[in-house]
N, C-alpha and C. Protein backbone atom coordinates (compact mmCIF):
# COMPACT_ATOMS: atom_id res chain seq x y z
N MET A 1 73.49 31.73 219.39
CA MET A 1 74.56 31.64 218.27
C MET A 1 72.99 32.06 217.47
N ARG A 2 73.32 33.34 216.86
CA ARG A 2 71.91 33.52 215.71
C ARG A 2 72.87 32.12 214.35
N PRO A 3 71.85 31.51 213.55
CA PRO A 3 72.05 30.73 212.46
C PRO A 3 73.13 31.27 211.12
N GLY A 4 73.87 32.36 211.02
CA GLY A 4 74.39 32.93 209.85
C GLY A 4 75.75 33.52 210.96
N SER A 5 75.52 33.04 211.80
CA SER A 5 76.82 33.81 212.62
C SER A 5 77.95 32.02 212.74
N LYS A 6 76.76 30.76 212.85
CA LYS A 6 76.79 29.16 213.02
C LYS A 6 77.99 29.25 211.56
N VAL A 7 77.00 29.80 210.81
CA VAL A 7 77.14 29.78 209.01
C VAL A 7 78.72 29.94 209.00
N TYR A 8 79.39 30.96 209.58
CA TYR A 8 80.83 31.80 208.65
C TYR A 8 81.09 31.36 209.52
N THR A 9 81.17 31.18 211.55
CA THR A 9 81.68 30.77 212.21
C THR A 9 82.82 29.14 211.70
N THR A 10 81.73 28.72 211.24
CA THR A 10 81.66 27.39 210.92
C THR A 10 82.93 27.65 209.88
N ARG A 11 82.73 27.96 208.47
CA ARG A 11 83.60 28.78 207.58
C ARG A 11 84.78 29.09 207.65
N VAL A 12 85.15 29.80 208.51
CA VAL A 12 86.26 30.38 208.82
C VAL A 12 86.78 28.83 209.98
N VAL A 13 87.31 28.58 210.59
CA VAL A 13 87.06 27.11 211.07
C VAL A 13 87.76 26.35 209.29
N PHE A 14 86.64 25.64 208.90
CA PHE A 14 86.36 24.66 208.03
C PHE A 14 88.04 25.91 206.96
N ALA A 15 87.65 26.84 206.88
CA ALA A 15 88.55 27.53 206.15
C ALA A 15 90.17 27.45 206.75
N ILE A 16 90.90 27.23 208.26
CA ILE A 16 91.39 26.87 208.74
C ILE A 16 91.97 25.66 209.00
N ILE A 17 91.83 24.26 209.10
CA ILE A 17 91.45 22.75 208.41
C ILE A 17 91.95 22.90 207.37
N ALA A 18 91.33 24.24 205.79
CA ALA A 18 92.06 23.69 204.48
C ALA A 18 93.52 24.45 204.44
N GLY A 19 93.99 25.06 205.29
CA GLY A 19 94.74 26.14 204.88
C GLY A 19 95.78 24.84 205.85
N VAL A 20 96.14 24.54 207.06
CA VAL A 20 97.05 23.67 207.24
C VAL A 20 96.95 22.28 206.29
N LEU A 21 95.83 22.03 205.97
CA LEU A 21 95.93 20.88 205.18
C LEU A 21 96.59 21.05 203.45
N SER A 22 96.26 22.43 202.92
CA SER A 22 96.83 22.84 201.73
C SER A 22 98.14 22.77 202.02
N ALA A 23 99.37 23.60 204.00
CA ALA A 23 100.73 23.26 203.46
C ALA A 23 100.12 21.83 203.52
N ILE A 24 100.33 20.76 204.30
CA ILE A 24 101.06 19.42 204.75
C ILE A 24 100.64 18.71 203.33
N ILE A 25 100.25 19.45 201.98
CA ILE A 25 100.45 18.76 201.45
C ILE A 25 100.64 19.31 200.68
N ASN A 26 100.66 19.66 200.02
CA ASN A 26 101.49 21.11 199.47
C ASN A 26 102.87 20.15 198.41
N PRO A 27 103.05 20.24 196.99
CA PRO A 27 103.80 19.35 195.99
C PRO A 27 105.19 20.17 196.53
N MET A 28 105.52 21.22 197.12
CA MET A 28 106.85 21.77 196.79
C MET A 28 107.12 21.39 198.66
N ALA A 29 106.46 21.27 198.77
CA ALA A 29 106.71 20.21 200.99
C ALA A 29 107.51 18.96 200.18
N LEU A 30 106.72 18.69 199.93
CA LEU A 30 107.20 16.90 199.32
C LEU A 30 107.64 16.39 198.90
N GLU A 31 108.08 17.44 198.20
CA GLU A 31 109.34 17.31 197.26
C GLU A 31 109.28 16.65 196.56
N VAL A 32 107.65 16.68 195.70
CA VAL A 32 107.62 15.84 194.50
C VAL A 32 108.82 15.87 193.37
N ARG A 33 108.85 15.18 192.90
CA ARG A 33 109.78 15.20 191.36
C ARG A 33 108.72 16.38 190.41
N HIS A 34 107.95 15.84 189.81
CA HIS A 34 107.11 16.16 189.07
C HIS A 34 105.88 16.91 189.59
N HIS A 35 106.67 18.24 189.07
CA HIS A 35 105.03 18.71 189.59
C HIS A 35 104.10 19.40 188.52
N GLY A 36 103.64 18.67 188.14
CA GLY A 36 102.34 18.71 187.07
C GLY A 36 101.21 19.45 187.49
N VAL A 37 99.85 19.70 186.75
CA VAL A 37 99.16 20.71 186.62
C VAL A 37 98.04 20.31 188.05
N VAL A 38 98.17 19.17 188.28
CA VAL A 38 97.15 18.32 188.82
C VAL A 38 98.33 18.90 190.96
N ALA A 39 98.76 18.76 190.21
CA ALA A 39 100.02 18.58 192.27
C ALA A 39 99.66 19.53 191.70
N ALA A 40 99.78 20.90 191.96
CA ALA A 40 100.25 22.05 191.77
C ALA A 40 98.48 22.76 192.05
N MET A 41 97.73 22.25 191.24
CA MET A 41 95.98 22.25 192.15
C MET A 41 95.73 21.17 193.06
N THR A 42 96.24 20.47 194.09
CA THR A 42 96.21 20.09 195.18
C THR A 42 95.47 21.22 196.06
N PRO A 43 96.37 21.88 196.36
CA PRO A 43 95.57 22.94 197.94
C PRO A 43 94.22 23.60 197.23
N ILE A 44 94.33 23.58 196.24
CA ILE A 44 92.63 24.31 195.74
C ILE A 44 92.01 23.27 195.62
N ILE A 45 92.38 22.45 195.16
CA ILE A 45 90.91 21.11 195.25
C ILE A 45 90.34 20.68 196.26
N VAL A 46 91.88 21.06 197.50
CA VAL A 46 91.48 20.41 198.97
C VAL A 46 90.36 21.70 199.43
N ALA A 47 90.75 23.12 198.92
CA ALA A 47 90.18 24.00 199.89
C ALA A 47 88.22 24.02 198.85
N VAL A 48 88.22 23.59 198.05
CA VAL A 48 87.10 23.91 197.65
C VAL A 48 86.14 22.58 197.89
N LEU A 49 87.18 21.16 198.46
CA LEU A 49 86.23 19.92 198.70
C LEU A 49 85.49 20.74 200.06
N LEU A 50 86.72 21.66 201.05
CA LEU A 50 86.27 21.51 202.68
C LEU A 50 84.52 22.81 202.34
N TYR A 51 85.24 23.32 201.30
CA TYR A 51 83.89 24.83 201.49
C TYR A 51 82.72 23.79 201.11
N LEU A 52 82.99 22.76 200.39
CA LEU A 52 81.85 22.10 199.84
C LEU A 52 81.21 21.26 201.41
N ALA A 53 82.46 20.75 201.89
CA ALA A 53 82.50 19.86 203.53
C ALA A 53 81.63 20.92 203.47
N SER A 54 81.22 22.46 203.83
CA SER A 54 80.92 22.67 205.05
C SER A 54 79.78 23.36 205.14
N TYR A 55 79.70 23.28 204.34
CA TYR A 55 77.82 23.31 202.96
C TYR A 55 77.12 22.46 204.34
N TYR A 56 77.81 20.96 204.62
CA TYR A 56 76.88 20.09 204.85
C TYR A 56 76.52 19.71 205.89
N PHE A 57 78.37 20.41 206.60
CA PHE A 57 78.59 20.36 207.97
C PHE A 57 77.67 21.02 208.70
N VAL A 58 76.82 22.45 208.18
CA VAL A 58 76.55 22.92 208.43
C VAL A 58 75.45 22.64 208.52
N LYS A 59 74.32 21.84 207.63
CA LYS A 59 73.18 21.80 207.44
C LYS A 59 72.75 20.83 208.24
N SER A 60 73.79 19.77 208.28
CA SER A 60 73.45 18.30 208.87
C SER A 60 73.87 18.26 210.43
N VAL A 61 75.60 19.03 210.79
CA VAL A 61 75.58 18.81 212.08
C VAL A 61 75.40 20.09 213.05
N VAL A 62 75.83 21.17 212.38
CA VAL A 62 75.28 22.29 212.96
C VAL A 62 74.12 22.62 213.01
N ARG A 63 73.10 21.30 211.99
CA ARG A 63 71.17 21.64 211.89
C ARG A 63 70.68 22.97 211.47
N VAL A 64 71.24 24.15 210.29
CA VAL A 64 70.87 25.26 210.13
C VAL A 64 70.22 25.39 209.14
N PRO A 65 68.58 25.65 209.34
CA PRO A 65 68.30 25.05 208.26
C PRO A 65 67.93 26.35 207.11
N PRO A 66 68.28 25.87 206.14
CA PRO A 66 68.44 27.58 205.21
C PRO A 66 66.78 28.58 205.14
N PRO A 67 66.00 28.59 205.03
CA PRO A 67 64.52 29.11 205.85
C PRO A 67 65.07 29.99 207.31
N SER A 68 66.20 30.19 207.68
CA SER A 68 66.22 29.86 209.25
C SER A 68 67.48 31.53 209.03
N LEU A 69 67.74 31.22 207.84
CA LEU A 69 68.25 33.16 207.61
C LEU A 69 67.96 34.16 206.40
N ASN A 70 68.26 34.66 206.55
CA ASN A 70 67.64 36.07 206.09
C ASN A 70 67.76 35.69 204.53
N ASP A 71 68.08 35.28 203.72
CA ASP A 71 68.21 34.97 202.98
C ASP A 71 69.07 33.81 202.62
N PRO A 72 68.03 32.91 201.94
CA PRO A 72 68.13 31.44 202.28
C PRO A 72 69.75 31.04 201.79
N SER A 73 70.41 32.10 200.56
CA SER A 73 72.14 32.16 200.01
C SER A 73 72.96 32.15 200.39
N TYR A 74 72.40 31.89 201.74
CA TYR A 74 73.26 32.78 202.28
C TYR A 74 74.26 31.31 203.16
N MET A 75 73.23 30.58 202.75
CA MET A 75 73.56 28.58 203.69
C MET A 75 75.31 28.55 202.74
N TYR A 76 74.74 28.71 200.82
CA TYR A 76 76.23 28.96 200.15
C TYR A 76 77.07 29.39 200.34
N LYS A 77 77.22 30.80 200.00
CA LYS A 77 78.18 31.96 199.75
C LYS A 77 78.19 32.47 201.10
N GLY A 78 77.90 32.36 202.38
CA GLY A 78 78.38 33.19 203.37
C GLY A 78 79.67 32.84 204.04
N GLY A 79 79.92 33.82 204.05
CA GLY A 79 81.67 33.42 204.16
C GLY A 79 82.31 33.26 203.50
N MET A 80 82.15 33.46 202.22
CA MET A 80 82.99 33.31 201.52
C MET A 80 84.27 33.36 200.67
N PHE A 81 84.74 35.42 200.97
CA PHE A 81 86.02 36.29 200.73
C PHE A 81 85.92 35.39 202.33
N THR A 82 86.05 35.70 202.88
CA THR A 82 86.39 35.23 204.60
C THR A 82 87.52 33.72 204.03
N TYR A 83 86.22 31.98 204.25
CA TYR A 83 86.98 31.42 203.96
C TYR A 83 88.19 32.11 203.09
N ILE A 84 87.67 32.28 201.82
CA ILE A 84 89.24 32.33 200.80
C ILE A 84 90.12 33.07 202.11
N ILE A 85 90.89 33.91 202.77
CA ILE A 85 91.41 35.01 203.40
C ILE A 85 92.11 34.82 203.98
N VAL A 86 90.70 33.61 204.91
CA VAL A 86 91.08 32.66 205.55
C VAL A 86 92.45 31.89 205.25
N TRP A 87 91.94 30.22 204.24
CA TRP A 87 92.56 30.19 204.13
C TRP A 87 94.09 30.09 203.80
N ILE A 88 93.62 31.65 202.41
CA ILE A 88 95.22 31.83 202.29
C ILE A 88 96.19 32.53 203.20
N VAL A 89 96.40 32.89 203.63
CA VAL A 89 96.77 33.50 205.09
C VAL A 89 96.95 31.77 205.87
N THR A 90 96.48 31.29 205.77
CA THR A 90 96.60 29.86 207.06
C THR A 90 97.77 29.30 205.95
N TRP A 91 98.35 28.88 204.82
CA TRP A 91 98.48 28.27 204.01
C TRP A 91 99.51 28.52 204.02
N SER A 92 100.20 29.64 203.80
CA SER A 92 100.86 30.82 203.55
C SER A 92 101.68 30.34 204.77
N LEU A 93 101.35 30.99 205.98
CA LEU A 93 101.98 30.52 207.59
C LEU A 93 102.68 29.52 207.92
N VAL A 94 101.49 28.17 208.21
CA VAL A 94 101.64 27.04 207.57
C VAL A 94 102.85 26.09 207.27
N ALA A 95 102.79 26.98 205.55
CA ALA A 95 103.36 26.81 204.87
C ALA A 95 105.16 27.40 205.47
N THR A 96 105.21 27.97 205.58
CA THR A 96 106.21 28.98 205.69
C THR A 96 107.19 28.31 206.47
N ILE A 97 105.60 27.54 207.88
CA ILE A 97 107.12 27.26 209.29
C ILE A 97 107.52 26.39 208.74
N LEU A 98 106.35 25.04 208.02
CA LEU A 98 107.29 24.36 208.02
C LEU A 98 108.16 23.72 206.86
N CYS A 99 108.13 25.09 205.83
CA CYS A 99 109.43 24.71 204.87
C CYS A 99 110.00 26.08 204.61
N PRO A 100 110.84 26.68 205.70
CA PRO A 100 111.36 28.21 205.77
C PRO A 100 112.07 27.82 204.44
N SER A 101 113.13 26.67 204.18
CA SER A 101 113.66 26.67 203.08
C SER A 101 113.12 27.15 201.76
N LEU A 102 112.11 27.17 200.89
CA LEU A 102 111.66 27.77 200.26
C LEU A 102 111.64 29.04 200.18
N LEU A 103 112.13 29.32 200.95
CA LEU A 103 112.33 31.18 200.81
C LEU A 103 113.23 31.66 200.14
N GLN A 104 114.48 31.14 199.92
CA GLN A 104 115.90 31.52 199.70
C GLN A 104 115.80 31.03 198.46
């Protein structure tokens, strides 16, 4: 597998994990009485932290050095749009399965 494909695949896997975690810790799913700004931003914070973790995972575990890519900045921004879309879709699907009563 090419280094760019490793980065991309890792980002997709981390996006799925972020979507599942965002749905599980969603403030509405946990029936939190007080919906503050921090509680509402928790899923976004989880997604950003896992995106950053994917960079370090690719760099240290998968061992893709930035010079091995055609564009070294691909290590930071490669697969970002796909990450966001997969995260939102996974979050929506899992949240709907876990809390179907929120649709009413």
